[in-house]
């Protein structure tokens, strides 16, 4: 039995040696100089303008300069829109709505200047069932609540922005959302892939 084991081991060693001899010359001539690679930089395309403003803008457009807080709120709206599985157009509608309602500032209670108990980016009201003050002053929560309302509007994707926003918000000034569509689209184009 010892001799069978020994022959088997020699056979295995012989195969290993033969394999090394055949592979050796090829491996010996292989270029071992490290290859310098430059990581590929992938520039994501901006969203298509036709997707952002499918109906064109309505009426004259307003525009404001944004501070760091407003940019952060813009990015929070975009992130919440993506998390909700909705597209760039939903982000445009959301941002235009927040521009009209709060100028993208996360407003707390404004005392006598408050519209009832409206607060947050979308001026949502706890008394109307939008959530608690803590919830509606959280940008992700308030955006998700707005988007939940938007999803319930049949055909919102095919509506002019102001009609889609008004159906969710029920504002006393339903046509005012339209003035922010271009800036909202520009912000989505700028920050959607950042």
C-alpha atoms as a PDB file:
ATOM      1  CA  UNK A   1       0.000   0.000   0.000  1.00  0.00           C
ATOM      2  CA  UNK A   2       2.955   2.224   0.690  1.00  0.00           C
ATOM      3  CA  UNK A   3       4.176   1.789  -2.841  1.00  0.00           C
ATOM      4  CA  UNK A   4       0.760   2.718  -4.316  1.00  0.00           C
ATOM      5  CA  UNK A   5       0.664   5.850  -2.203  1.00  0.00           C
ATOM      6  CA  UNK A   6       4.242   6.675  -3.158  1.00  0.00           C
ATOM      7  CA  UNK A   7       3.588   6.213  -6.893  1.00  0.00           C
ATOM      8  CA  UNK A   8       0.502   8.411  -6.638  1.00  0.00           C
ATOM      9  CA  UNK A   9       2.447  11.168  -4.906  1.00  0.00           C
ATOM     10  CA  UNK A  10       5.237  10.971  -7.465  1.00  0.00           C
ATOM     11  CA  UNK A  11       2.665  11.122 -10.247  1.00  0.00           C
ATOM     12  CA  UNK A  12       1.092  14.238  -8.746  1.00  0.00           C
ATOM     13  CA  UNK A  13       4.515  15.819  -8.246  1.00  0.00           C
ATOM     14  CA  UNK A  14       5.403  14.974 -11.832  1.00  0.00           C
ATOM     15  CA  UNK A  15       2.242  16.638 -13.138  1.00  0.00           C
ATOM     16  CA  UNK A  16       2.950  19.703 -11.050  1.00  0.00           C
ATOM     17  CA  UNK A  17       6.518  19.827 -12.360  1.00  0.00           C
ATOM     18  CA  UNK A  18       5.398  19.313 -15.961  1.00  0.00           C
ATOM     19  CA  UNK A  19       2.769  21.994 -15.584  1.00  0.00           C
ATOM     20  CA  UNK A  20       5.365  24.355 -14.177  1.00  0.00           C
ATOM     21  CA  UNK A  21       7.782  23.671 -17.029  1.00  0.00           C
ATOM     22  CA  UNK A  22       5.141  24.353 -19.637  1.00  0.00           C
ATOM     23  CA  UNK A  23       3.771  27.388 -17.880  1.00  0.00           C
ATOM     24  CA  UNK A  24       7.156  28.641 -16.728  1.00  0.00           C
ATOM     25  CA  UNK A  25       8.509  30.007 -20.001  1.00  0.00           C
ATOM     26  CA  UNK A  26       5.262  31.818 -20.761  1.00  0.00           C
ATOM     27  CA  UNK A  27       5.121  33.332 -17.286  1.00  0.00           C
ATOM     28  CA  UNK A  28       8.815  34.186 -17.395  1.00  0.00           C
ATOM     29  CA  UNK A  29       8.319  36.405 -20.417  1.00  0.00           C
ATOM     30  CA  UNK A  30       5.195  38.114 -19.148  1.00  0.00           C
ATOM     31  CA  UNK A  31       5.465  41.869 -18.682  1.00  0.00           C
ATOM     32  CA  UNK A  32       5.235  42.548 -14.974  1.00  0.00           C
ATOM     33  CA  UNK A  33       5.458  46.335 -15.309  1.00  0.00           C
ATOM     34  CA  UNK A  34       2.476  47.795 -13.476  1.00  0.00           C
ATOM     35  CA  UNK A  35      -0.086  49.280 -15.811  1.00  0.00           C
ATOM     36  CA  UNK A  36      -0.974  52.839 -14.932  1.00  0.00           C
ATOM     37  CA  UNK A  37      -4.686  53.394 -15.161  1.00  0.00           C
ATOM     38  CA  UNK A  38      -6.626  56.554 -14.749  1.00  0.00           C
ATOM     39  CA  UNK A  39      -9.997  56.079 -13.080  1.00  0.00           C
ATOM     40  CA  UNK A  40     -12.791  56.829 -15.493  1.00  0.00           C
ATOM     41  CA  UNK A  41     -14.784  59.895 -14.630  1.00  0.00           C
ATOM     42  CA  UNK A  42     -18.390  59.382 -15.547  1.00  0.00           C
ATOM     43  CA  UNK A  43     -20.283  62.609 -16.046  1.00  0.00           C
ATOM     44  CA  UNK A  44     -23.963  61.945 -15.588  1.00  0.00           C
ATOM     45  CA  UNK A  45     -26.120  63.685 -18.112  1.00  0.00           C
ATOM     46  CA  UNK A  46     -28.442  66.404 -16.955  1.00  0.00           C
ATOM     47  CA  UNK A  47     -32.125  65.531 -17.100  1.00  0.00           C
ATOM     48  CA  UNK A  48     -33.766  66.264 -20.436  1.00  0.00           C
ATOM     49  CA  UNK A  49     -35.367  69.723 -20.532  1.00  0.00           C
ATOM     50  CA  UNK A  50     -38.412  68.257 -22.274  1.00  0.00           C
ATOM     51  CA  UNK A  51     -38.908  65.934 -19.334  1.00  0.00           C
ATOM     52  CA  UNK A  52     -38.534  68.743 -16.802  1.00  0.00           C
ATOM     53  CA  UNK A  53     -40.930  71.168 -18.526  1.00  0.00           C
ATOM     54  CA  UNK A  54     -43.058  69.069 -20.876  1.00  0.00           C
ATOM     55  CA  UNK A  55     -45.709  71.771 -21.409  1.00  0.00           C
ATOM     56  CA  UNK A  56     -43.445  74.814 -21.498  1.00  0.00           C
ATOM     57  CA  UNK A  57     -43.605  77.462 -18.808  1.00  0.00           C
ATOM     58  CA  UNK A  58     -46.791  79.414 -18.228  1.00  0.00           C
ATOM     59  CA  UNK A  59     -46.667  83.171 -17.859  1.00  0.00           C
ATOM     60  CA  UNK A  60     -43.806  85.323 -16.647  1.00  0.00           C
ATOM     61  CA  UNK A  61     -41.232  83.612 -14.488  1.00  0.00           C
ATOM     62  CA  UNK A  62     -39.814  84.636 -11.118  1.00  0.00           C
ATOM     63  CA  UNK A  63     -36.342  83.831  -9.860  1.00  0.00           C
ATOM     64  CA  UNK A  64     -34.546  84.286  -6.549  1.00  0.00           C
ATOM     65  CA  UNK A  65     -30.938  83.793  -5.503  1.00  0.00           C
ATOM     66  CA  UNK A  66     -30.594  80.874  -3.106  1.00  0.00           C
ATOM     67  CA  UNK A  67     -28.543  80.763   0.074  1.00  0.00           C
ATOM     68  CA  UNK A  68     -26.942  77.599   1.486  1.00  0.00           C
ATOM     69  CA  UNK A  69     -30.071  76.635   3.449  1.00  0.00           C
ATOM     70  CA  UNK A  70     -32.264  76.913   0.365  1.00  0.00           C
ATOM     71  CA  UNK A  71     -29.836  74.837  -1.720  1.00  0.00           C
ATOM     72  CA  UNK A  72     -29.759  72.203   1.033  1.00  0.00           C
ATOM     73  CA  UNK A  73     -33.571  72.139   1.030  1.00  0.00           C
ATOM     74  CA  UNK A  74     -33.564  71.804  -2.764  1.00  0.00           C
ATOM     75  CA  UNK A  75     -31.250  68.804  -2.483  1.00  0.00           C
ATOM     76  CA  UNK A  76     -33.428  67.325   0.277  1.00  0.00           C
ATOM     77  CA  UNK A  77     -36.508  67.602  -1.959  1.00  0.00           C
ATOM     78  CA  UNK A  78     -34.658  65.887  -4.816  1.00  0.00           C
ATOM     79  CA  UNK A  79     -33.410  63.112  -2.507  1.00  0.00           C
ATOM     80  CA  UNK A  80     -36.902  62.522  -1.116  1.00  0.00           C
ATOM     81  CA  UNK A  81     -38.322  62.453  -4.646  1.00  0.00           C
ATOM     82  CA  UNK A  82     -35.809  59.800  -5.688  1.00  0.00           C
ATOM     83  CA  UNK A  83     -36.464  57.823  -2.486  1.00  0.00           C
ATOM     84  CA  UNK A  84     -40.190  57.895  -3.297  1.00  0.00           C
ATOM     85  CA  UNK A  85     -39.368  56.390  -6.700  1.00  0.00           C
ATOM     86  CA  UNK A  86     -40.608  59.425  -8.595  1.00  0.00           C
ATOM     87  CA  UNK A  87     -38.994  61.166 -11.529  1.00  0.00           C
ATOM     88  CA  UNK A  88     -37.465  64.551 -12.290  1.00  0.00           C
ATOM     89  CA  UNK A  89     -40.827  66.086 -13.190  1.00  0.00           C
ATOM     90  CA  UNK A  90     -42.130  65.301  -9.701  1.00  0.00           C
ATOM     91  CA  UNK A  91     -39.068  67.099  -8.313  1.00  0.00           C
ATOM     92  CA  UNK A  92     -39.800  70.136 -10.503  1.00  0.00           C
ATOM     93  CA  UNK A  93     -43.408  70.266  -9.274  1.00  0.00           C
ATOM     94  CA  UNK A  94     -42.228  69.867  -5.660  1.00  0.00           C
ATOM     95  CA  UNK A  95     -39.521  72.526  -5.853  1.00  0.00           C
ATOM     96  CA  UNK A  96     -41.775  75.020  -7.660  1.00  0.00           C
ATOM     97  CA  UNK A  97     -44.400  74.458  -4.970  1.00  0.00           C
ATOM     98  CA  UNK A  98     -41.861  75.003  -2.183  1.00  0.00           C
ATOM     99  CA  UNK A  99     -40.538  78.116  -3.942  1.00  0.00           C
ATOM    100  CA  UNK A 100     -44.055  79.565  -3.946  1.00  0.00           C
ATOM    101  CA  UNK A 101     -44.970  78.468  -0.433  1.00  0.00           C
ATOM    102  CA  UNK A 102     -41.758  79.274   1.450  1.00  0.00           C
ATOM    103  CA  UNK A 103     -39.035  80.378  -0.995  1.00  0.00           C
ATOM    104  CA  UNK A 104     -37.413  77.040  -0.049  1.00  0.00           C
ATOM    105  CA  UNK A 105     -37.029  78.128   3.582  1.00  0.00           C
ATOM    106  CA  UNK A 106     -38.119  75.685   6.239  1.00  0.00           C
ATOM    107  CA  UNK A 107     -40.496  78.052   8.013  1.00  0.00           C
ATOM    108  CA  UNK A 108     -41.566  77.579  11.591  1.00  0.00           C
ATOM    109  CA  UNK A 109     -44.553  79.293  13.144  1.00  0.00           C
ATOM    110  CA  UNK A 110     -44.600  82.938  12.062  1.00  0.00           C
ATOM    111  CA  UNK A 111     -47.030  84.285  14.656  1.00  0.00           C
ATOM    112  CA  UNK A 112     -49.422  86.861  13.201  1.00  0.00           C
ATOM    113  CA  UNK A 113     -47.810  86.474   9.775  1.00  0.00           C
ATOM    114  CA  UNK A 114     -48.707  82.772   9.675  1.00  0.00           C
ATOM    115  CA  UNK A 115     -51.381  81.444   7.374  1.00  0.00           C
ATOM    116  CA  UNK A 116     -53.281  79.604  10.096  1.00  0.00           C
ATOM    117  CA  UNK A 117     -50.850  76.933  11.355  1.00  0.00           C
ATOM    118  CA  UNK A 118     -48.950  76.430   8.083  1.00  0.00           C
ATOM    119  CA  UNK A 119     -45.270  75.533   8.446  1.00  0.00           C
ATOM    120  CA  UNK A 120     -42.290  74.000   6.681  1.00  0.00           C
ATOM    121  CA  UNK A 121     -41.197  74.093   3.050  1.00  0.00           C
ATOM    122  CA  UNK A 122     -44.694  73.438   1.703  1.00  0.00           C
ATOM    123  CA  UNK A 123     -46.631  75.428   4.327  1.00  0.00           C
ATOM    124  CA  UNK A 124     -48.462  72.285   5.373  1.00  0.00           C
ATOM    125  CA  UNK A 125     -50.878  72.474   8.274  1.00  0.00           C
ATOM    126  CA  UNK A 126     -50.951  70.079  11.222  1.00  0.00           C
ATOM    127  CA  UNK A 127     -54.655  70.898  11.652  1.00  0.00           C
ATOM    128  CA  UNK A 128     -55.298  69.675   8.096  1.00  0.00           C
ATOM    129  CA  UNK A 129     -53.686  66.303   8.725  1.00  0.00           C
ATOM    130  CA  UNK A 130     -50.289  66.829   7.092  1.00  0.00           C
ATOM    131  CA  UNK A 131     -48.464  65.676  10.242  1.00  0.00           C
ATOM    132  CA  UNK A 132     -47.074  67.112  13.429  1.00  0.00           C
ATOM    133  CA  UNK A 133     -45.085  70.343  13.506  1.00  0.00           C
ATOM    134  CA  UNK A 134     -41.908  68.291  13.910  1.00  0.00           C
ATOM    135  CA  UNK A 135     -42.810  66.190  10.893  1.00  0.00           C
ATOM    136  CA  UNK A 136     -43.813  68.955   8.509  1.00  0.00           C
ATOM    137  CA  UNK A 137     -40.721  70.975   9.353  1.00  0.00           C
ATOM    138  CA  UNK A 138     -38.566  67.991   8.351  1.00  0.00           C
ATOM    139  CA  UNK A 139     -37.743  68.466   4.617  1.00  0.00           C
ATOM    140  CA  UNK A 140     -37.796  64.749   3.810  1.00  0.00           C
ATOM    141  CA  UNK A 141     -41.093  64.148   5.584  1.00  0.00           C
ATOM    142  CA  UNK A 142     -42.819  67.204   4.131  1.00  0.00           C
ATOM    143  CA  UNK A 143     -41.640  66.387   0.607  1.00  0.00           C
ATOM    144  CA  UNK A 144     -42.780  62.780   0.973  1.00  0.00           C
ATOM    145  CA  UNK A 145     -46.175  63.996   2.211  1.00  0.00           C
ATOM    146  CA  UNK A 146     -46.474  66.362  -0.760  1.00  0.00           C
ATOM    147  CA  UNK A 147     -45.468  63.602  -3.192  1.00  0.00           C
ATOM    148  CA  UNK A 148     -47.974  61.205  -1.636  1.00  0.00           C
ATOM    149  CA  UNK A 149     -50.671  63.780  -2.410  1.00  0.00           C
ATOM    150  CA  UNK A 150     -49.288  64.283  -5.925  1.00  0.00           C
ATOM    151  CA  UNK A 151     -49.384  60.530  -6.626  1.00  0.00           C
ATOM    152  CA  UNK A 152     -53.102  60.578  -5.832  1.00  0.00           C
ATOM    153  CA  UNK A 153     -53.788  63.149  -8.558  1.00  0.00           C
ATOM    154  CA  UNK A 154     -54.802  61.207 -11.653  1.00  0.00           C
ATOM    155  CA  UNK A 155     -52.746  62.308 -14.645  1.00  0.00           C
ATOM    156  CA  UNK A 156     -50.581  64.815 -12.742  1.00  0.00           C
ATOM    157  CA  UNK A 157     -47.718  64.073 -15.166  1.00  0.00           C
ATOM    158  CA  UNK A 158     -49.795  65.436 -18.042  1.00  0.00           C
ATOM    159  CA  UNK A 159     -51.075  68.526 -16.232  1.00  0.00           C
ATOM    160  CA  UNK A 160     -49.571  71.978 -16.242  1.00  0.00           C
ATOM    161  CA  UNK A 161     -47.433  72.372 -13.118  1.00  0.00           C
ATOM    162  CA  UNK A 162     -49.714  74.905 -11.466  1.00  0.00           C
ATOM    163  CA  UNK A 163     -52.754  72.617 -11.760  1.00  0.00           C
ATOM    164  CA  UNK A 164     -50.879  69.606 -10.334  1.00  0.00           C
ATOM    165  CA  UNK A 165     -49.503  71.676  -7.434  1.00  0.00           C
ATOM    166  CA  UNK A 166     -52.857  73.329  -6.749  1.00  0.00           C
ATOM    167  CA  UNK A 167     -54.660  70.000  -6.641  1.00  0.00           C
ATOM    168  CA  UNK A 168     -52.383  68.929  -3.790  1.00  0.00           C
ATOM    169  CA  UNK A 169     -52.007  72.253  -1.986  1.00  0.00           C
ATOM    170  CA  UNK A 170     -55.469  73.811  -2.402  1.00  0.00           C
ATOM    171  CA  UNK A 171     -54.034  77.316  -2.295  1.00  0.00           C
ATOM    172  CA  UNK A 172     -55.955  80.573  -2.319  1.00  0.00           C
ATOM    173  CA  UNK A 173     -53.621  81.579  -5.181  1.00  0.00           C
ATOM    174  CA  UNK A 174     -53.648  78.584  -7.534  1.00  0.00           C
ATOM    175  CA  UNK A 175     -51.904  80.245 -10.461  1.00  0.00           C
ATOM    176  CA  UNK A 176     -48.870  81.421  -8.506  1.00  0.00           C
ATOM    177  CA  UNK A 177     -47.017  78.090  -8.727  1.00  0.00           C
ATOM    178  CA  UNK A 178     -46.436  78.532 -12.465  1.00  0.00           C
ATOM    179  CA  UNK A 179     -44.032  81.440 -12.004  1.00  0.00           C
ATOM    180  CA  UNK A 180     -41.417  79.146 -10.441  1.00  0.00           C
ATOM    181  CA  UNK A 181     -41.367  76.385 -13.040  1.00  0.00           C
ATOM    182  CA  UNK A 182     -38.227  77.512 -14.896  1.00  0.00           C
ATOM    183  CA  UNK A 183     -36.158  78.015 -11.747  1.00  0.00           C
ATOM    184  CA  UNK A 184     -37.388  74.690 -10.365  1.00  0.00           C
ATOM    185  CA  UNK A 185     -36.411  72.942 -13.609  1.00  0.00           C
ATOM    186  CA  UNK A 186     -33.003  74.627 -13.553  1.00  0.00           C
ATOM    187  CA  UNK A 187     -32.444  73.463  -9.976  1.00  0.00           C
ATOM    188  CA  UNK A 188     -33.439  69.889 -10.786  1.00  0.00           C
ATOM    189  CA  UNK A 189     -31.140  69.915 -13.824  1.00  0.00           C
ATOM    190  CA  UNK A 190     -28.292  71.182 -11.662  1.00  0.00           C
ATOM    191  CA  UNK A 191     -28.716  68.927  -8.628  1.00  0.00           C
ATOM    192  CA  UNK A 192     -30.505  65.760  -9.812  1.00  0.00           C
ATOM    193  CA  UNK A 193     -27.235  63.863 -10.377  1.00  0.00           C
ATOM    194  CA  UNK A 194     -25.154  65.466  -7.634  1.00  0.00           C
END
